[in-house]
Amino acid sequence: MKNRTKYILAIVTVIVVAAVAIPLYVKSQHTTFRSEVTDHMTMLDKIELLQIRKITRISSAEAEEVQFRDQKGIQNVLKLFKDVELKKVQEANPFNDLPHYYEIRIVINKEGRFTEHFGVWVYSENTISTYNGAATRDAFGDFEITNNEFNFNELERIFNKLKEEAA
């Protein structure tokens, strides 16, 4: 009888632990662009520079680049990512049918004391990678976009418009 009670208690314990651990693990895999990049900024921080590079998959030496410091233009680019929901994956698949991808580099002045760097690689409408220069571990993250809030074509349109204005 005592062994039976121990077995039942062990089974109940395993079920309770699994019921708590599994949802926490699943929740930790889902995040947003805002929590990965923009939530690291405070009200006193200022984005100094936003650089967008269009890199062809054939040769990374054939990259086109646009840099700007205009706050309105920076906000227009960041609005594209505002409501994007992400799911962490082991490795992003940057190889898709598109002939190019975009690298976005964000330089932030932290309260006038130092700068931080963030990087975002947009491989397609459903795959991105991020880099947090201030992170001491897990600086790189690969993600799959889980909602349809990101418009890759709009990023291309903004890039082409900025390139024309710079020329």
C-alpha atoms as a PDB file:
ATOM      1  CA  MET A   1       0.000   0.000   0.000  1.00  0.00           C
ATOM      2  CA  LYS A   2       2.838   2.390   0.824  1.00  0.00           C
ATOM      3  CA  ASN A   3       4.475   1.761  -2.557  1.00  0.00           C
ATOM      4  CA  ARG A   4       1.226   2.448  -4.335  1.00  0.00           C
ATOM      5  CA  THR A   5       0.880   5.795  -2.549  1.00  0.00           C
ATOM      6  CA  LYS A   6       4.470   6.705  -3.487  1.00  0.00           C
ATOM      7  CA  TYR A   7       3.816   5.866  -7.145  1.00  0.00           C
ATOM      8  CA  ILE A   8       0.638   7.922  -7.219  1.00  0.00           C
ATOM      9  CA  LEU A   9       2.405  10.835  -5.519  1.00  0.00           C
ATOM     10  CA  ALA A  10       5.303  10.604  -8.012  1.00  0.00           C
ATOM     11  CA  ILE A  11       2.934  10.551 -10.994  1.00  0.00           C
ATOM     12  CA  VAL A  12       0.960  13.535  -9.665  1.00  0.00           C
ATOM     13  CA  THR A  13       4.217  15.449  -9.079  1.00  0.00           C
ATOM     14  CA  VAL A  14       5.425  14.783 -12.639  1.00  0.00           C
ATOM     15  CA  ILE A  15       2.071  15.902 -14.067  1.00  0.00           C
ATOM     16  CA  VAL A  16       2.084  19.121 -12.019  1.00  0.00           C
ATOM     17  CA  VAL A  17       5.679  19.950 -12.970  1.00  0.00           C
ATOM     18  CA  ALA A  18       4.938  19.279 -16.654  1.00  0.00           C
ATOM     19  CA  ALA A  19       1.769  21.385 -16.500  1.00  0.00           C
ATOM     20  CA  VAL A  20       3.788  24.327 -15.183  1.00  0.00           C
ATOM     21  CA  ALA A  21       7.025  23.883 -17.178  1.00  0.00           C
ATOM     22  CA  ILE A  22       5.625  23.256 -20.661  1.00  0.00           C
ATOM     23  CA  PRO A  23       3.596  26.497 -20.932  1.00  0.00           C
ATOM     24  CA  LEU A  24       6.565  28.484 -19.589  1.00  0.00           C
ATOM     25  CA  TYR A  25       8.848  26.933 -22.193  1.00  0.00           C
ATOM     26  CA  VAL A  26       6.392  27.560 -25.024  1.00  0.00           C
ATOM     27  CA  LYS A  27       5.849  31.151 -23.882  1.00  0.00           C
ATOM     28  CA  SER A  28       9.613  31.785 -23.762  1.00  0.00           C
ATOM     29  CA  GLN A  29       9.836  30.854 -27.446  1.00  0.00           C
ATOM     30  CA  HIS A  30       7.366  33.592 -28.462  1.00  0.00           C
ATOM     31  CA  THR A  31       8.347  37.241 -28.343  1.00  0.00           C
ATOM     32  CA  THR A  32       7.912  40.481 -30.270  1.00  0.00           C
ATOM     33  CA  PHE A  33      10.242  42.744 -32.207  1.00  0.00           C
ATOM     34  CA  ARG A  34       9.523  45.446 -29.681  1.00  0.00           C
ATOM     35  CA  SER A  35      10.763  43.324 -26.753  1.00  0.00           C
ATOM     36  CA  GLU A  36      13.861  42.191 -28.666  1.00  0.00           C
ATOM     37  CA  VAL A  37      14.989  45.611 -29.913  1.00  0.00           C
ATOM     38  CA  THR A  38      13.088  48.764 -29.007  1.00  0.00           C
ATOM     39  CA  ASP A  39      12.277  47.943 -25.365  1.00  0.00           C
ATOM     40  CA  HIS A  40      16.002  48.243 -24.617  1.00  0.00           C
ATOM     41  CA  MET A  41      15.696  51.991 -25.100  1.00  0.00           C
ATOM     42  CA  THR A  42      14.643  54.533 -22.483  1.00  0.00           C
ATOM     43  CA  MET A  43      12.937  57.894 -22.992  1.00  0.00           C
ATOM     44  CA  LEU A  44      16.319  59.659 -22.789  1.00  0.00           C
ATOM     45  CA  ASP A  45      17.885  57.542 -25.542  1.00  0.00           C
ATOM     46  CA  LYS A  46      18.120  58.842 -29.079  1.00  0.00           C
ATOM     47  CA  ILE A  47      18.598  56.904 -32.286  1.00  0.00           C
ATOM     48  CA  GLU A  48      21.607  58.542 -33.896  1.00  0.00           C
ATOM     49  CA  LEU A  49      21.834  56.535 -37.075  1.00  0.00           C
ATOM     50  CA  LEU A  50      19.865  53.973 -39.027  1.00  0.00           C
ATOM     51  CA  GLN A  51      21.709  52.204 -41.795  1.00  0.00           C
ATOM     52  CA  ILE A  52      20.005  49.884 -44.284  1.00  0.00           C
ATOM     53  CA  ARG A  53      22.039  47.656 -46.569  1.00  0.00           C
ATOM     54  CA  LYS A  54      20.540  45.665 -49.421  1.00  0.00           C
ATOM     55  CA  ILE A  55      22.796  42.670 -49.888  1.00  0.00           C
ATOM     56  CA  THR A  56      22.589  40.387 -52.885  1.00  0.00           C
ATOM     57  CA  ARG A  57      22.852  36.695 -52.183  1.00  0.00           C
ATOM     58  CA  ILE A  58      25.307  36.140 -55.022  1.00  0.00           C
ATOM     59  CA  SER A  59      27.977  38.447 -53.655  1.00  0.00           C
ATOM     60  CA  SER A  60      27.901  40.439 -50.426  1.00  0.00           C
ATOM     61  CA  ALA A  61      30.367  42.887 -52.028  1.00  0.00           C
ATOM     62  CA  GLU A  62      27.497  44.135 -54.217  1.00  0.00           C
ATOM     63  CA  ALA A  63      25.640  45.738 -51.328  1.00  0.00           C
ATOM     64  CA  GLU A  64      23.738  49.003 -51.666  1.00  0.00           C
ATOM     65  CA  GLU A  65      23.598  51.190 -48.579  1.00  0.00           C
ATOM     66  CA  VAL A  66      21.501  54.027 -47.230  1.00  0.00           C
ATOM     67  CA  GLN A  67      22.232  55.898 -43.988  1.00  0.00           C
ATOM     68  CA  PHE A  68      20.101  58.527 -42.383  1.00  0.00           C
ATOM     69  CA  ARG A  69      19.802  60.427 -39.131  1.00  0.00           C
ATOM     70  CA  ASP A  70      16.386  61.984 -39.732  1.00  0.00           C
ATOM     71  CA  GLN A  71      14.144  60.937 -36.813  1.00  0.00           C
ATOM     72  CA  LYS A  72      11.011  60.870 -38.954  1.00  0.00           C
ATOM     73  CA  GLY A  73      12.609  58.523 -41.476  1.00  0.00           C
ATOM     74  CA  ILE A  74      13.944  56.312 -38.695  1.00  0.00           C
ATOM     75  CA  GLN A  75      10.478  56.089 -37.156  1.00  0.00           C
ATOM     76  CA  ASN A  76       8.977  55.145 -40.546  1.00  0.00           C
ATOM     77  CA  VAL A  77      11.322  52.169 -40.794  1.00  0.00           C
ATOM     78  CA  LEU A  78      10.761  51.098 -37.182  1.00  0.00           C
ATOM     79  CA  LYS A  79       6.967  51.296 -37.678  1.00  0.00           C
ATOM     80  CA  LEU A  80       7.268  48.397 -40.106  1.00  0.00           C
ATOM     81  CA  PHE A  81       8.350  46.185 -37.205  1.00  0.00           C
ATOM     82  CA  LYS A  82       6.027  47.636 -34.537  1.00  0.00           C
ATOM     83  CA  ASP A  83       3.510  44.792 -34.203  1.00  0.00           C
ATOM     84  CA  VAL A  84       5.645  41.935 -35.482  1.00  0.00           C
ATOM     85  CA  GLU A  85       5.356  38.784 -33.370  1.00  0.00           C
ATOM     86  CA  LEU A  86       8.291  36.391 -33.397  1.00  0.00           C
ATOM     87  CA  LYS A  87       9.006  32.801 -32.541  1.00  0.00           C
ATOM     88  CA  LYS A  88      12.544  31.879 -31.582  1.00  0.00           C
ATOM     89  CA  VAL A  89      14.037  29.168 -33.787  1.00  0.00           C
ATOM     90  CA  GLN A  90      17.304  27.273 -33.543  1.00  0.00           C
ATOM     91  CA  GLU A  91      18.600  28.629 -36.833  1.00  0.00           C
ATOM     92  CA  ALA A  92      17.095  31.029 -39.333  1.00  0.00           C
ATOM     93  CA  ASN A  93      17.041  29.860 -42.918  1.00  0.00           C
ATOM     94  CA  PRO A  94      18.426  32.840 -44.842  1.00  0.00           C
ATOM     95  CA  PHE A  95      18.328  30.965 -48.133  1.00  0.00           C
ATOM     96  CA  ASN A  96      15.028  31.526 -49.867  1.00  0.00           C
ATOM     97  CA  ASP A  97      13.811  32.503 -53.310  1.00  0.00           C
ATOM     98  CA  LEU A  98      14.565  36.209 -52.921  1.00  0.00           C
ATOM     99  CA  PRO A  99      17.742  37.439 -54.630  1.00  0.00           C
ATOM    100  CA  HIS A 100      18.631  39.777 -51.748  1.00  0.00           C
ATOM    101  CA  TYR A 101      18.127  40.468 -48.059  1.00  0.00           C
ATOM    102  CA  TYR A 102      18.323  43.558 -45.862  1.00  0.00           C
ATOM    103  CA  GLU A 103      20.637  44.367 -42.991  1.00  0.00           C
ATOM    104  CA  ILE A 104      19.441  47.149 -40.694  1.00  0.00           C
ATOM    105  CA  ARG A 105      21.889  48.646 -38.215  1.00  0.00           C
ATOM    106  CA  ILE A 106      20.609  50.903 -35.446  1.00  0.00           C
ATOM    107  CA  VAL A 107      22.999  53.085 -33.435  1.00  0.00           C
ATOM    108  CA  ILE A 108      21.501  54.420 -30.206  1.00  0.00           C
ATOM    109  CA  ASN A 109      22.958  57.186 -28.035  1.00  0.00           C
ATOM    110  CA  LYS A 110      22.276  56.011 -24.469  1.00  0.00           C
ATOM    111  CA  GLU A 111      21.479  59.130 -22.457  1.00  0.00           C
ATOM    112  CA  GLY A 112      24.455  60.972 -23.977  1.00  0.00           C
ATOM    113  CA  ARG A 113      26.962  58.662 -22.285  1.00  0.00           C
ATOM    114  CA  PHE A 114      27.684  55.852 -24.772  1.00  0.00           C
ATOM    115  CA  THR A 115      26.264  54.154 -27.838  1.00  0.00           C
ATOM    116  CA  GLU A 116      24.664  50.767 -28.351  1.00  0.00           C
ATOM    117  CA  HIS A 117      24.272  48.876 -31.589  1.00  0.00           C
ATOM    118  CA  PHE A 118      21.415  46.693 -32.741  1.00  0.00           C
ATOM    119  CA  GLY A 119      21.313  44.730 -35.936  1.00  0.00           C
ATOM    120  CA  VAL A 120      18.386  43.214 -37.788  1.00  0.00           C
ATOM    121  CA  TRP A 121      18.738  40.943 -40.804  1.00  0.00           C
ATOM    122  CA  VAL A 122      15.523  40.606 -42.788  1.00  0.00           C
ATOM    123  CA  TYR A 123      15.791  37.539 -44.996  1.00  0.00           C
ATOM    124  CA  SER A 124      12.168  37.339 -46.114  1.00  0.00           C
ATOM    125  CA  GLU A 125       8.641  38.146 -44.981  1.00  0.00           C
ATOM    126  CA  ASN A 126       8.855  35.418 -42.373  1.00  0.00           C
ATOM    127  CA  THR A 127      12.502  35.117 -41.298  1.00  0.00           C
ATOM    128  CA  ILE A 128      14.704  37.596 -39.421  1.00  0.00           C
ATOM    129  CA  SER A 129      17.752  37.576 -37.166  1.00  0.00           C
ATOM    130  CA  THR A 130      18.678  40.134 -34.525  1.00  0.00           C
ATOM    131  CA  TYR A 131      21.852  41.271 -32.787  1.00  0.00           C
ATOM    132  CA  ASN A 132      22.034  43.180 -29.517  1.00  0.00           C
ATOM    133  CA  GLY A 133      25.466  44.745 -29.050  1.00  0.00           C
ATOM    134  CA  ALA A 134      24.848  45.356 -25.346  1.00  0.00           C
ATOM    135  CA  ALA A 135      23.996  41.742 -24.522  1.00  0.00           C
ATOM    136  CA  THR A 136      26.653  39.769 -22.716  1.00  0.00           C
ATOM    137  CA  ARG A 137      25.112  36.452 -23.733  1.00  0.00           C
ATOM    138  CA  ASP A 138      22.537  35.492 -26.329  1.00  0.00           C
ATOM    139  CA  ALA A 139      23.388  38.565 -28.395  1.00  0.00           C
ATOM    140  CA  PHE A 140      22.214  36.864 -31.597  1.00  0.00           C
ATOM    141  CA  GLY A 141      18.696  35.576 -32.121  1.00  0.00           C
ATOM    142  CA  ASP A 142      17.032  33.845 -35.033  1.00  0.00           C
ATOM    143  CA  PHE A 143      13.281  34.247 -35.407  1.00  0.00           C
ATOM    144  CA  GLU A 144      10.344  33.273 -37.532  1.00  0.00           C
ATOM    145  CA  ILE A 145       7.627  35.892 -37.979  1.00  0.00           C
ATOM    146  CA  THR A 146       4.392  34.344 -36.705  1.00  0.00           C
ATOM    147  CA  ASN A 147       1.890  36.981 -37.804  1.00  0.00           C
ATOM    148  CA  ASN A 148       1.387  38.800 -41.094  1.00  0.00           C
ATOM    149  CA  GLU A 149       2.129  42.252 -39.711  1.00  0.00           C
ATOM    150  CA  PHE A 150       5.459  42.661 -41.552  1.00  0.00           C
ATOM    151  CA  ASN A 151       5.488  43.920 -45.133  1.00  0.00           C
ATOM    152  CA  PHE A 152       8.757  43.088 -46.912  1.00  0.00           C
ATOM    153  CA  ASN A 153       7.662  45.027 -50.001  1.00  0.00           C
ATOM    154  CA  GLU A 154       7.186  48.180 -47.900  1.00  0.00           C
ATOM    155  CA  LEU A 155      10.780  47.842 -46.633  1.00  0.00           C
ATOM    156  CA  GLU A 156      11.943  47.612 -50.254  1.00  0.00           C
ATOM    157  CA  ARG A 157       9.866  50.675 -51.178  1.00  0.00           C
ATOM    158  CA  ILE A 158      11.290  52.733 -48.296  1.00  0.00           C
ATOM    159  CA  PHE A 159      14.843  51.633 -49.145  1.00  0.00           C
ATOM    160  CA  ASN A 160      14.450  52.588 -52.828  1.00  0.00           C
ATOM    161  CA  LYS A 161      12.893  55.931 -51.908  1.00  0.00           C
ATOM    162  CA  LEU A 162      15.730  56.762 -49.504  1.00  0.00           C
ATOM    163  CA  LYS A 163      18.314  55.697 -52.066  1.00  0.00           C
ATOM    164  CA  GLU A 164      16.770  58.028 -54.667  1.00  0.00           C
ATOM    165  CA  GLU A 165      16.684  60.924 -52.174  1.00  0.00           C
ATOM    166  CA  ALA A 166      20.346  60.376 -51.287  1.00  0.00           C
ATOM    167  CA  ALA A 167      21.425  60.409 -54.931  1.00  0.00           C
END
